Structure formats: C-alpha cells, structure tokens
Amino acid sequence: MLDEVLAISLLMVGVHLTTHYSYLLFHSIAELFSTFISVTVFIIVINCWESIRNQYLIFIGIAYFFIGIIDLLHTLSYKGMGIFNDYDYYAPQLWIAGRYLESVCLLLAFTALGADKPIKKSLVFSGCFLTTSFLISSILYFKNFPSCFVAGQGLTAFKIISEYIICAILTLNILILYQLKQHFELREYHLILVSLLLMIVMELCFTQYVADTMSDTFNELGHLFKIIAFYLIYNSMFKFLNFLQPNLLWSHPAARYFSETVGSRRPKSLPLMCLPEGIN
C-alpha cells in the first residue's frame, strides 16, 4: 500500500513539473494516461468476458472504451494542439460529453451488479456506441452541442450546471455503491468509493477555471485528480478480478496435465481473469 502511495505521489509530482515547460504537454500526459487506462480495462474485459461472472466488470469494461475515445478527442482538440483549427473550444464540450457518459455508465453498471440475469453485452456495446456517436457528431459535425467556454468570458452556464449535475450523478453512484457493498471486498469498495469522491472534487475544480488558455491552477488540479481517480478505478478492477488465486487455477485438469508433463514447479501467482472453461 505504501509503495502504491509513493508511486502515485511521484507520478503527480512528475506530471506537475511538466507544466513549467508546457501546459499542453501536461494536459496531453494527463489525458493520455486516463485514455490508456480506459483502453486497457476494455481489452481485459473483451478477452475474458466468457469467464467474468461479475456484471459490473463487464459493463464498466465496455463503457470505458467509449469514454476513452471521447477523452482522446478531448486531448487532440485542446487549444494549441493545432488539429481542430475551426474552433478553439471543442475540448470543454468533449469533456462534458465524456463525463456525462462516464457518470451515467457507472450508475448503470452498479445497478446491473445486483441483477438476477446477465446483462446483454451486445446491447451495452451498441448503446455506448450510439450514445458516443451522437455526442461526438453533435460536437464536431452538426455543431449543435451547447457552448461550454467563451473567450474573454470564461465558462458558460451550461458547462457549470452540467458539472454540478455530473456531481449529483456521481453522488448517486456512491449511494448505490454503499447499498451493494456486499458484492465487493472491503479494499475494492474503498478504492471505488475514493475514486468517485475524487471525481466529484475533479468536477468542482472544472467549475472554477477562467483563463482563455484553460491552463490555470484549478484546471491543473482537476486533471491531477482525474489521474488518481482513474488509477484507483483501474486498481480496484484488477483487485476485483482476483488476480492471485493459483490454487483454484491449478485445480483444473489442463493445469494439472501441464504441471505433470512440463514440470512440478508452480508459479507463485497466476492471473485468474481468464479462467479455463469449467472453473466455477
């Protein structure tokens, strides 16, 4: 635990120091970190969902892929990147779109956790795909998504109100998490809880920045909180997958055959996220 705290603290300091060279570099690192986490979670889930019995993991794994797509576009459209030259403030719009998608998907995922029947993965994927396509097209193609930042004035009322609505949805997530905490081990419950609390603080930070360059202290703090929140989500999901249970894995006939024919030395730990068919 202490090692993890030290590692994340050093990461925060290192990322913060990049602001002294270029805020654009800082923003890119912070957002690409969360995008990497999103895609990693998705890859794990799609490769293992035949063995994953927890509906929360499957729902979150699918949803975070699409959240990562919006976050990547948010990164590429940030003022100064020089990729989207027709408008300087696509990034705040994509930020709001991504956070709405994230908070709602987290809410739906927690609800699915207590469901009696397995969720339909194709339905979740299709729903996330259509919602993401709608949000992106309304911002970049149809350009009818409400403005979130006006040069010389700062954040729009829509942006600020949206941040508070997202905070309310995240608070509802916390309440449902508390009601369903019996589905989690204590450590995983605390990791997800702290992650949600940090997301709320993060959203509040993004109601305060005013600089046209979107590079003031509150903007930086919001992105630092996002790094920690995504790391905790990533960490909680890996813990929840019960990575280290070699006894269960090696009780499978195929594993015993491997042990007998290749060697009797058993590794100290093996991943359990993709169990062979037949292990319960």
Foldseek 3Di string as FASTA:
>chain_A
DVVVVVVLVVVLVVLVVCVVVPLLSSLLVLLVLLLVLLQVLLVLCVVAVVPDPFQLSLLSNLLSNLLSVLSVVLSCQAAPNPPDDPDHQLNLLSVLLSLVSVLVSLVVSLVQRPDPDHDDSVVSNVVSVVSSVVSVCCVPPVNVRDGQADPPFGGDPVSLVSLVVSLVSLVVSLVSLVVVVVLADPVLSVLLNVLSVLLNQLSVLVNDDGHPSCRDDSSSSSSSSNSSSSVSVSVSSQVSQVQFDVVQQCVDPVNVVCCVPVHVDDDRGGGPSHHDPPRD
